[in-house]
Amino acid sequence: MTIVKPLASALLPLALAAPAAASPYVNFACADGAKISLIFETSGTGLVMVGGGALRLENRHPRSGLWYASSSGELRAQGATATFRMQGRAPTTCRKVAR
């Protein structure tokens, strides 16, 4: 019993940090061969990892789906389909993939 109490108190901050039902990221495979991950940040931004780099986008709070954008790029998703564009690249269609 003495082991459980310290373990529970050690895990409590982790339980409070993020809701269990929330997914911290989502992965996409794109038609142009790119594989991207959108990491949800607590500040209301999303970090898109693509091609060894990162692009920070602002959450535009759409009525449904996802929409993260900045002057450097944009990621819009509805269901399992997404469109990703980044400055200097043509827009590409993407599909949500399992982790």
PDB file of N, CA and C in Angstrom:
ATOM      1  N   MET A   1       0.815  -1.188   0.000  1.00  0.00           N
ATOM      2  CA  MET A   1       0.000   0.000   0.000  1.00  0.00           C
ATOM      3  C   MET A   1       0.862   1.257   0.000  1.00  0.00           C
ATOM      4  N   THR A   2       1.995   1.219   0.639  1.00  0.00           N
ATOM      5  CA  THR A   2       2.863   2.398   0.674  1.00  0.00           C
ATOM      6  C   THR A   2       3.457   2.697  -0.697  1.00  0.00           C
ATOM      7  N   ILE A   3       3.572   1.699  -1.561  1.00  0.00           N
ATOM      8  CA  ILE A   3       4.109   1.919  -2.906  1.00  0.00           C
ATOM      9  C   ILE A   3       3.086   2.630  -3.781  1.00  0.00           C
ATOM     10  N   VAL A   4       1.826   2.307  -3.649  1.00  0.00           N
ATOM     11  CA  VAL A   4       0.773   2.877  -4.494  1.00  0.00           C
ATOM     12  C   VAL A   4       0.617   4.374  -4.269  1.00  0.00           C
ATOM     13  N   LYS A   5       0.642   4.819  -3.047  1.00  0.00           N
ATOM     14  CA  LYS A   5       0.431   6.232  -2.762  1.00  0.00           C
ATOM     15  C   LYS A   5       1.501   7.119  -3.400  1.00  0.00           C
ATOM     16  N   PRO A   6       2.813   6.858  -3.260  1.00  0.00           N
ATOM     17  CA  PRO A   6       3.806   7.686  -3.941  1.00  0.00           C
ATOM     18  C   PRO A   6       3.672   7.624  -5.460  1.00  0.00           C
ATOM     19  N   LEU A   7       3.367   6.469  -6.007  1.00  0.00           N
ATOM     20  CA  LEU A   7       3.202   6.345  -7.442  1.00  0.00           C
ATOM     21  C   LEU A   7       2.023   7.175  -7.915  1.00  0.00           C
ATOM     22  N   ALA A   8       0.914   7.128  -7.223  1.00  0.00           N
ATOM     23  CA  ALA A   8      -0.270   7.905  -7.594  1.00  0.00           C
ATOM     24  C   ALA A   8       0.030   9.394  -7.535  1.00  0.00           C
ATOM     25  N   SER A   9       0.732   9.845  -6.510  1.00  0.00           N
ATOM     26  CA  SER A   9       1.039  11.275  -6.422  1.00  0.00           C
ATOM     27  C   SER A   9       2.035  11.690  -7.483  1.00  0.00           C
ATOM     28  N   ALA A  10       2.897  10.787  -7.920  1.00  0.00           N
ATOM     29  CA  ALA A  10       3.848  11.095  -8.988  1.00  0.00           C
ATOM     30  C   ALA A  10       3.151  11.191 -10.336  1.00  0.00           C
ATOM     31  N   LEU A  11       2.104  10.407 -10.540  1.00  0.00           N
ATOM     32  CA  LEU A  11       1.387  10.400 -11.811  1.00  0.00           C
ATOM     33  C   LEU A  11       0.315  11.475 -11.904  1.00  0.00           C
ATOM     34  N   LEU A  12      -0.099  12.046 -10.789  1.00  0.00           N
ATOM     35  CA  LEU A  12      -1.160  13.044 -10.797  1.00  0.00           C
ATOM     36  C   LEU A  12      -0.859  14.225 -11.715  1.00  0.00           C
ATOM     37  N   PRO A  13       0.335  14.812 -11.701  1.00  0.00           N
ATOM     38  CA  PRO A  13       0.596  15.918 -12.630  1.00  0.00           C
ATOM     39  C   PRO A  13       0.446  15.515 -14.087  1.00  0.00           C
ATOM     40  N   LEU A  14       0.798  14.276 -14.436  1.00  0.00           N
ATOM     41  CA  LEU A  14       0.627  13.811 -15.810  1.00  0.00           C
ATOM     42  C   LEU A  14      -0.834  13.698 -16.175  1.00  0.00           C
ATOM     43  N   ALA A  15      -1.651  13.239 -15.255  1.00  0.00           N
ATOM     44  CA  ALA A  15      -3.081  13.102 -15.508  1.00  0.00           C
ATOM     45  C   ALA A  15      -3.735  14.458 -15.691  1.00  0.00           C
ATOM     46  N   LEU A  16      -3.253  15.469 -14.997  1.00  0.00           N
ATOM     47  CA  LEU A  16      -3.827  16.808 -15.102  1.00  0.00           C
ATOM     48  C   LEU A  16      -3.310  17.570 -16.308  1.00  0.00           C
ATOM     49  N   ALA A  17      -2.182  17.161 -16.884  1.00  0.00           N
ATOM     50  CA  ALA A  17      -1.546  17.894 -17.972  1.00  0.00           C
ATOM     51  C   ALA A  17      -2.357  17.848 -19.259  1.00  0.00           C
ATOM     52  N   ALA A  18      -2.983  16.721 -19.574  1.00  0.00           N
ATOM     53  CA  ALA A  18      -3.735  16.597 -20.820  1.00  0.00           C
ATOM     54  C   ALA A  18      -4.899  15.651 -20.613  1.00  0.00           C
ATOM     55  N   PRO A  19      -6.058  15.973 -21.195  1.00  0.00           N
ATOM     56  CA  PRO A  19      -7.196  15.071 -21.076  1.00  0.00           C
ATOM     57  C   PRO A  19      -6.886  13.725 -21.721  1.00  0.00           C
ATOM     58  N   ALA A  20      -7.356  12.660 -21.147  1.00  0.00           N
ATOM     59  CA  ALA A  20      -7.076  11.322 -21.666  1.00  0.00           C
ATOM     60  C   ALA A  20      -7.651  11.128 -23.064  1.00  0.00           C
ATOM     61  N   ALA A  21      -8.777  11.756 -23.366  1.00  0.00           N
ATOM     62  CA  ALA A  21      -9.413  11.565 -24.659  1.00  0.00           C
ATOM     63  C   ALA A  21      -8.757  12.394 -25.761  1.00  0.00           C
ATOM     64  N   ALA A  22      -7.981  13.392 -25.412  1.00  0.00           N
ATOM     65  CA  ALA A  22      -7.369  14.267 -26.408  1.00  0.00           C
ATOM     66  C   ALA A  22      -6.167  13.584 -27.041  1.00  0.00           C
ATOM     67  N   SER A  23      -6.026  13.745 -28.344  1.00  0.00           N
ATOM     68  CA  SER A  23      -4.879  13.207 -29.052  1.00  0.00           C
ATOM     69  C   SER A  23      -3.856  14.324 -29.201  1.00  0.00           C
ATOM     70  N   PRO A  24      -2.608  14.109 -28.787  1.00  0.00           N
ATOM     71  CA  PRO A  24      -1.614  15.181 -28.853  1.00  0.00           C
ATOM     72  C   PRO A  24      -1.112  15.465 -30.262  1.00  0.00           C
ATOM     73  N   TYR A  25      -1.364  14.554 -31.193  1.00  0.00           N
ATOM     74  CA  TYR A  25      -0.927  14.777 -32.570  1.00  0.00           C
ATOM     75  C   TYR A  25      -1.744  13.921 -33.528  1.00  0.00           C
ATOM     76  N   VAL A  26      -1.634  14.255 -34.817  1.00  0.00           N
ATOM     77  CA  VAL A  26      -2.268  13.459 -35.868  1.00  0.00           C
ATOM     78  C   VAL A  26      -1.282  13.391 -37.032  1.00  0.00           C
ATOM     79  N   ASN A  27      -1.208  12.222 -37.673  1.00  0.00           N
ATOM     80  CA  ASN A  27      -0.287  12.010 -38.790  1.00  0.00           C
ATOM     81  C   ASN A  27      -1.051  11.961 -40.104  1.00  0.00           C
ATOM     82  N   PHE A  28      -0.397  12.440 -41.161  1.00  0.00           N
ATOM     83  CA  PHE A  28      -0.966  12.418 -42.497  1.00  0.00           C
ATOM     84  C   PHE A  28       0.064  11.919 -43.498  1.00  0.00           C
ATOM     85  N   ALA A  29      -0.394  11.207 -44.522  1.00  0.00           N
ATOM     86  CA  ALA A  29       0.424  10.825 -45.672  1.00  0.00           C
ATOM     87  C   ALA A  29      -0.149  11.587 -46.858  1.00  0.00           C
ATOM     88  N   CYS A  30       0.702  12.280 -47.586  1.00  0.00           N
ATOM     89  CA  CYS A  30       0.234  13.170 -48.652  1.00  0.00           C
ATOM     90  C   CYS A  30       0.512  12.601 -50.040  1.00  0.00           C
ATOM     91  N   ALA A  31      -0.263  13.075 -51.009  1.00  0.00           N
ATOM     92  CA  ALA A  31      -0.171  12.603 -52.383  1.00  0.00           C
ATOM     93  C   ALA A  31       1.200  12.874 -52.994  1.00  0.00           C
ATOM     94  N   ASP A  32       1.885  13.913 -52.536  1.00  0.00           N
ATOM     95  CA  ASP A  32       3.217  14.223 -53.087  1.00  0.00           C
ATOM     96  C   ASP A  32       4.329  13.427 -52.402  1.00  0.00           C
ATOM     97  N   GLY A  33       3.953  12.484 -51.519  1.00  0.00           N
ATOM     98  CA  GLY A  33       4.920  11.642 -50.832  1.00  0.00           C
ATOM     99  C   GLY A  33       5.326  12.149 -49.459  1.00  0.00           C
ATOM    100  N   ALA A  34       4.921  13.360 -49.103  1.00  0.00           N
ATOM    101  CA  ALA A  34       5.270  13.918 -47.793  1.00  0.00           C
ATOM    102  C   ALA A  34       4.502  13.199 -46.691  1.00  0.00           C
ATOM    103  N   LYS A  35       5.157  13.056 -45.570  1.00  0.00           N
ATOM    104  CA  LYS A  35       4.517  12.540 -44.359  1.00  0.00           C
ATOM    105  C   LYS A  35       4.601  13.675 -43.344  1.00  0.00           C
ATOM    106  N   ILE A  36       3.442  14.090 -42.846  1.00  0.00           N
ATOM    107  CA  ILE A  36       3.420  15.219 -41.916  1.00  0.00           C
ATOM    108  C   ILE A  36       2.721  14.825 -40.623  1.00  0.00           C
ATOM    109  N   SER A  37       3.116  15.499 -39.565  1.00  0.00           N
ATOM    110  CA  SER A  37       2.473  15.332 -38.261  1.00  0.00           C
ATOM    111  C   SER A  37       2.071  16.706 -37.764  1.00  0.00           C
ATOM    112  N   LEU A  38       0.859  16.816 -37.271  1.00  0.00           N
ATOM    113  CA  LEU A  38       0.385  18.036 -36.632  1.00  0.00           C
ATOM    114  C   LEU A  38       0.381  17.781 -35.139  1.00  0.00           C
ATOM    115  N   ILE A  39       1.215  18.520 -34.406  1.00  0.00           N
ATOM    116  CA  ILE A  39       1.295  18.401 -32.954  1.00  0.00           C
ATOM    117  C   ILE A  39       0.478  19.535 -32.358  1.00  0.00           C
ATOM    118  N   PHE A  40      -0.514  19.204 -31.555  1.00  0.00           N
ATOM    119  CA  PHE A  40      -1.383  20.201 -30.943  1.00  0.00           C
ATOM    120  C   PHE A  40      -0.671  20.812 -29.739  1.00  0.00           C
ATOM    121  N   GLU A  41      -0.494  22.115 -29.743  1.00  0.00           N
ATOM    122  CA  GLU A  41       0.162  22.809 -28.647  1.00  0.00           C
ATOM    123  C   GLU A  41      -0.881  23.480 -27.762  1.00  0.00           C
ATOM    124  N   THR A  42      -0.600  23.584 -26.482  1.00  0.00           N
ATOM    125  CA  THR A  42      -1.561  24.155 -25.539  1.00  0.00           C
ATOM    126  C   THR A  42      -1.771  25.646 -25.754  1.00  0.00           C
ATOM    127  N   SER A  43      -0.888  26.298 -26.467  1.00  0.00           N
ATOM    128  CA  SER A  43      -0.995  27.740 -26.695  1.00  0.00           C
ATOM    129  C   SER A  43      -1.993  28.088 -27.801  1.00  0.00           C
ATOM    130  N   GLY A  44      -2.646  27.080 -28.395  1.00  0.00           N
ATOM    131  CA  GLY A  44      -3.590  27.353 -29.479  1.00  0.00           C
ATOM    132  C   GLY A  44      -2.922  27.324 -30.838  1.00  0.00           C
ATOM    133  N   THR A  45      -1.707  26.843 -30.878  1.00  0.00           N
ATOM    134  CA  THR A  45      -1.004  26.703 -32.145  1.00  0.00           C
ATOM    135  C   THR A  45      -0.809  25.229 -32.439  1.00  0.00           C
ATOM    136  N   GLY A  46      -0.418  24.953 -33.659  1.00  0.00           N
ATOM    137  CA  GLY A  46      -0.090  23.591 -34.051  1.00  0.00           C
ATOM    138  C   GLY A  46       1.273  23.597 -34.707  1.00  0.00           C
ATOM    139  N   LEU A  47       2.056  22.602 -34.410  1.00  0.00           N
ATOM    140  CA  LEU A  47       3.381  22.484 -34.992  1.00  0.00           C
ATOM    141  C   LEU A  47       3.319  21.388 -36.042  1.00  0.00           C
ATOM    142  N   VAL A  48       3.541  21.752 -37.310  1.00  0.00           N
ATOM    143  CA  VAL A  48       3.523  20.788 -38.393  1.00  0.00           C
ATOM    144  C   VAL A  48       4.959  20.360 -38.661  1.00  0.00           C
ATOM    145  N   MET A  49       5.200  19.075 -38.502  1.00  0.00           N
ATOM    146  CA  MET A  49       6.513  18.499 -38.771  1.00  0.00           C
ATOM    147  C   MET A  49       6.468  17.931 -40.188  1.00  0.00           C
ATOM    148  N   VAL A  50       7.362  18.434 -41.052  1.00  0.00           N
ATOM    149  CA  VAL A  50       7.387  17.977 -42.435  1.00  0.00           C
ATOM    150  C   VAL A  50       8.814  18.060 -42.970  1.00  0.00           C
ATOM    151  N   GLY A  51       9.245  17.000 -43.612  1.00  0.00           N
ATOM    152  CA  GLY A  51      10.552  16.984 -44.263  1.00  0.00           C
ATOM    153  C   GLY A  51      11.725  17.375 -43.384  1.00  0.00           C
ATOM    154  N   GLY A  52      11.720  16.986 -42.138  1.00  0.00           N
ATOM    155  CA  GLY A  52      12.815  17.313 -41.237  1.00  0.00           C
ATOM    156  C   GLY A  52      12.751  18.711 -40.658  1.00  0.00           C
ATOM    157  N   GLY A  53      11.716  19.466 -41.011  1.00  0.00           N
ATOM    158  CA  GLY A  53      11.548  20.816 -40.482  1.00  0.00           C
ATOM    159  C   GLY A  53      10.232  20.960 -39.751  1.00  0.00           C
ATOM    160  N   ALA A  54       9.990  22.151 -39.250  1.00  0.00           N
ATOM    161  CA  ALA A  54       8.763  22.419 -38.503  1.00  0.00           C
ATOM    162  C   ALA A  54       8.161  23.747 -38.941  1.00  0.00           C
ATOM    163  N   LEU A  55       6.854  23.809 -38.910  1.00  0.00           N
ATOM    164  CA  LEU A  55       6.110  25.004 -39.288  1.00  0.00           C
ATOM    165  C   LEU A  55       5.052  25.241 -38.217  1.00  0.00           C
ATOM    166  N   ARG A  56       5.109  26.364 -37.509  1.00  0.00           N
ATOM    167  CA  ARG A  56       4.134  26.675 -36.461  1.00  0.00           C
ATOM    168  C   ARG A  56       2.967  27.438 -37.094  1.00  0.00           C
ATOM    169  N   LEU A  57       1.762  26.910 -36.893  1.00  0.00           N
ATOM    170  CA  LEU A  57       0.550  27.497 -37.460  1.00  0.00           C
ATOM    171  C   LEU A  57      -0.437  27.832 -36.345  1.00  0.00           C
ATOM    172  N   GLU A  58      -1.241  28.858 -36.559  1.00  0.00           N
ATOM    173  CA  GLU A  58      -2.259  29.290 -35.591  1.00  0.00           C
ATOM    174  C   GLU A  58      -3.564  28.537 -35.839  1.00  0.00           C
ATOM    175  N   ASN A  59      -4.225  28.144 -34.772  1.00  0.00           N
ATOM    176  CA  ASN A  59      -5.531  27.500 -34.874  1.00  0.00           C
ATOM    177  C   ASN A  59      -6.554  28.558 -35.278  1.00  0.00           C
ATOM    178  N   ARG A  60      -7.243  28.337 -36.394  1.00  0.00           N
ATOM    179  CA  ARG A  60      -8.242  29.284 -36.903  1.00  0.00           C
ATOM    180  C   ARG A  60      -9.650  28.946 -36.420  1.00  0.00           C
ATOM    181  N   HIS A  61      -9.796  27.949 -35.577  1.00  0.00           N
ATOM    182  CA  HIS A  61     -11.063  27.566 -34.943  1.00  0.00           C
ATOM    183  C   HIS A  61     -12.225  27.459 -35.943  1.00  0.00           C
ATOM    184  N   PRO A  62     -12.147  26.508 -36.870  1.00  0.00           N
ATOM    185  CA  PRO A  62     -13.256  26.338 -37.821  1.00  0.00           C
ATOM    186  C   PRO A  62     -14.482  25.749 -37.120  1.00  0.00           C
ATOM    187  N   ARG A  63     -15.622  25.826 -37.776  1.00  0.00           N
ATOM    188  CA  ARG A  63     -16.849  25.245 -37.210  1.00  0.00           C
ATOM    189  C   ARG A  63     -16.738  23.733 -37.103  1.00  0.00           C
ATOM    190  N   SER A  64     -16.022  23.120 -38.031  1.00  0.00           N
ATOM    191  CA  SER A  64     -15.782  21.680 -37.964  1.00  0.00           C
ATOM    192  C   SER A  64     -14.422  21.384 -38.596  1.00  0.00           C
ATOM    193  N   GLY A  65     -13.864  20.255 -38.236  1.00  0.00           N
ATOM    194  CA  GLY A  65     -12.565  19.860 -38.773  1.00  0.00           C
ATOM    195  C   GLY A  65     -11.424  20.634 -38.140  1.00  0.00           C
ATOM    196  N   LEU A  66     -10.303  20.666 -38.840  1.00  0.00           N
ATOM    197  CA  LEU A  66      -9.108  21.372 -38.395  1.00  0.00           C
ATOM    198  C   LEU A  66      -8.743  22.451 -39.397  1.00  0.00           C
ATOM    199  N   TRP A  67      -8.239  23.557 -38.907  1.00  0.00           N
ATOM    200  CA  TRP A  67      -7.714  24.594 -39.785  1.00  0.00           C
ATOM    201  C   TRP A  67      -6.631  25.331 -39.024  1.00  0.00           C
ATOM    202  N   TYR A  68      -5.401  25.116 -39.424  1.00  0.00           N
ATOM    203  CA  TYR A  68      -4.247  25.799 -38.862  1.00  0.00           C
ATOM    204  C   TYR A  68      -3.575  26.540 -39.994  1.00  0.00           C
ATOM    205  N   ALA A  69      -3.245  27.818 -39.774  1.00  0.00           N
ATOM    206  CA  ALA A  69      -2.683  28.617 -40.863  1.00  0.00           C
ATOM    207  C   ALA A  69      -1.777  29.720 -40.350  1.00  0.00           C
ATOM    208  N   SER A  70      -0.897  30.170 -41.226  1.00  0.00           N
ATOM    209  CA  SER A  70      -0.066  31.358 -41.028  1.00  0.00           C
ATOM    210  C   SER A  70       0.312  31.834 -42.422  1.00  0.00           C
ATOM    211  N   SER A  71       1.103  32.878 -42.498  1.00  0.00           N
ATOM    212  CA  SER A  71       1.524  33.361 -43.815  1.00  0.00           C
ATOM    213  C   SER A  71       2.468  32.366 -44.491  1.00  0.00           C
ATOM    214  N   SER A  72       3.007  31.412 -43.737  1.00  0.00           N
ATOM    215  CA  SER A  72       3.950  30.434 -44.278  1.00  0.00           C
ATOM    216  C   SER A  72       3.302  29.143 -44.768  1.00  0.00           C
ATOM    217  N   GLY A  73       2.064  28.874 -44.346  1.00  0.00           N
ATOM    218  CA  GLY A  73       1.423  27.641 -44.766  1.00  0.00           C
ATOM    219  C   GLY A  73       0.058  27.453 -44.149  1.00  0.00           C
ATOM    220  N   GLU A  74      -0.552  26.310 -44.477  1.00  0.00           N
ATOM    221  CA  GLU A  74      -1.908  26.039 -44.012  1.00  0.00           C
ATOM    222  C   GLU A  74      -2.161  24.531 -44.039  1.00  0.00           C
ATOM    223  N   LEU A  75      -2.891  24.060 -43.037  1.00  0.00           N
ATOM    224  CA  LEU A  75      -3.354  22.681 -42.995  1.00  0.00           C
ATOM    225  C   LEU A  75      -4.833  22.712 -42.662  1.00  0.00           C
ATOM    226  N   ARG A  76      -5.649  22.186 -43.579  1.00  0.00           N
ATOM    227  CA  ARG A  76      -7.092  22.082 -43.364  1.00  0.00           C
ATOM    228  C   ARG A  76      -7.457  20.608 -43.443  1.00  0.00           C
ATOM    229  N   ALA A  77      -8.262  20.146 -42.493  1.00  0.00           N
ATOM    230  CA  ALA A  77      -8.670  18.743 -42.493  1.00  0.00           C
ATOM    231  C   ALA A  77     -10.133  18.626 -42.121  1.00  0.00           C
ATOM    232  N   GLN A  78     -10.794  17.689 -42.768  1.00  0.00           N
ATOM    233  CA  GLN A  78     -12.182  17.349 -42.478  1.00  0.00           C
ATOM    234  C   GLN A  78     -12.269  15.844 -42.551  1.00  0.00           C
ATOM    235  N   GLY A  79     -12.581  15.200 -41.442  1.00  0.00           N
ATOM    236  CA  GLY A  79     -12.583  13.740 -41.422  1.00  0.00           C
ATOM    237  C   GLY A  79     -11.171  13.221 -41.624  1.00  0.00           C
ATOM    238  N   ALA A  80     -10.998  12.288 -42.546  1.00  0.00           N
ATOM    239  CA  ALA A  80      -9.685  11.688 -42.787  1.00  0.00           C
ATOM    240  C   ALA A  80      -8.919  12.364 -43.922  1.00  0.00           C
ATOM    241  N   THR A  81      -9.500  13.403 -44.544  1.00  0.00           N
ATOM    242  CA  THR A  81      -8.879  14.069 -45.678  1.00  0.00           C
ATOM    243  C   THR A  81      -8.383  15.450 -45.281  1.00  0.00           C
ATOM    244  N   ALA A  82      -7.216  15.827 -45.800  1.00  0.00           N
ATOM    245  CA  ALA A  82      -6.639  17.131 -45.489  1.00  0.00           C
ATOM    246  C   ALA A  82      -5.997  17.733 -46.740  1.00  0.00           C
ATOM    247  N   THR A  83      -5.812  19.036 -46.700  1.00  0.00           N
ATOM    248  CA  THR A  83      -5.045  19.743 -47.712  1.00  0.00           C
ATOM    249  C   THR A  83      -3.951  20.499 -46.993  1.00  0.00           C
ATOM    250  N   PHE A  84      -2.724  20.340 -47.481  1.00  0.00           N
ATOM    251  CA  PHE A  84      -1.584  21.013 -46.874  1.00  0.00           C
ATOM    252  C   PHE A  84      -0.895  21.863 -47.930  1.00  0.00           C
ATOM    253  N   ARG A  85      -0.610  23.099 -47.570  1.00  0.00           N
ATOM    254  CA  ARG A  85       0.187  23.955 -48.449  1.00  0.00           C
ATOM    255  C   ARG A  85       1.236  24.640 -47.600  1.00  0.00           C
ATOM    256  N   MET A  86       2.387  24.819 -48.209  1.00  0.00           N
ATOM    257  CA  MET A  86       3.489  25.479 -47.544  1.00  0.00           C
ATOM    258  C   MET A  86       4.122  26.410 -48.553  1.00  0.00           C
ATOM    259  N   GLN A  87       4.541  27.562 -48.101  1.00  0.00           N
ATOM    260  CA  GLN A  87       5.153  28.550 -48.979  1.00  0.00           C
ATOM    261  C   GLN A  87       6.266  27.900 -49.794  1.00  0.00           C
ATOM    262  N   GLY A  88       6.213  28.089 -51.099  1.00  0.00           N
ATOM    263  CA  GLY A  88       7.227  27.536 -51.985  1.00  0.00           C
ATOM    264  C   GLY A  88       6.920  26.146 -52.509  1.00  0.00           C
ATOM    265  N   ARG A  89       5.785  25.557 -52.082  1.00  0.00           N
ATOM    266  CA  ARG A  89       5.382  24.221 -52.536  1.00  0.00           C
ATOM    267  C   ARG A  89       3.946  24.264 -53.025  1.00  0.00           C
ATOM    268  N   ALA A  90       3.624  23.394 -53.971  1.00  0.00           N
ATOM    269  CA  ALA A  90       2.251  23.293 -54.438  1.00  0.00           C
ATOM    270  C   ALA A  90       1.408  22.633 -53.346  1.00  0.00           C
ATOM    271  N   PRO A  91       0.120  23.010 -53.232  1.00  0.00           N
ATOM    272  CA  PRO A  91      -0.755  22.342 -52.252  1.00  0.00           C
ATOM    273  C   PRO A  91      -0.855  20.852 -52.568  1.00  0.00           C
ATOM    274  N   THR A  92      -1.036  20.056 -51.551  1.00  0.00           N
ATOM    275  CA  THR A  92      -1.157  18.612 -51.729  1.00  0.00           C
ATOM    276  C   THR A  92      -2.296  18.077 -50.865  1.00  0.00           C
ATOM    277  N   THR A  93      -2.925  17.024 -51.352  1.00  0.00           N
ATOM    278  CA  THR A  93      -3.995  16.354 -50.622  1.00  0.00           C
ATOM    279  C   THR A  93      -3.373  15.276 -49.739  1.00  0.00           C
ATOM    280  N   CYS A  94      -3.873  15.157 -48.526  1.00  0.00           N
ATOM    281  CA  CYS A  94      -3.326  14.193 -47.566  1.00  0.00           C
ATOM    282  C   CYS A  94      -4.446  13.366 -46.957  1.00  0.00           C
ATOM    283  N   ARG A  95      -4.064  12.206 -46.421  1.00  0.00           N
ATOM    284  CA  ARG A  95      -5.007  11.340 -45.715  1.00  0.00           C
ATOM    285  C   ARG A  95      -4.457  11.044 -44.339  1.00  0.00           C
ATOM    286  N   LYS A  96      -5.355  11.045 -43.362  1.00  0.00           N
ATOM    287  CA  LYS A  96      -4.978  10.716 -41.985  1.00  0.00           C
ATOM    288  C   LYS A  96      -4.529   9.253 -41.945  1.00  0.00           C
ATOM    289  N   VAL A  97      -3.443   9.002 -41.229  1.00  0.00           N
ATOM    290  CA  VAL A  97      -2.942   7.639 -41.081  1.00  0.00           C
ATOM    291  C   VAL A  97      -2.811   7.295 -39.605  1.00  0.00           C
ATOM    292  N   ALA A  98      -2.805   6.001 -39.319  1.00  0.00           N
ATOM    293  CA  ALA A  98      -2.642   5.546 -37.942  1.00  0.00           C
ATOM    294  C   ALA A  98      -1.255   5.896 -37.451  1.00  0.00           C
ATOM    295  N   ARG A  99      -1.146   6.019 -36.163  1.00  0.00           N
ATOM    296  CA  ARG A  99       0.136   6.379 -35.548  1.00  0.00           C
ATOM    297  C   ARG A  99       1.090   5.312 -35.828  1.00  0.00           C
TER     298      ARG A  99
END
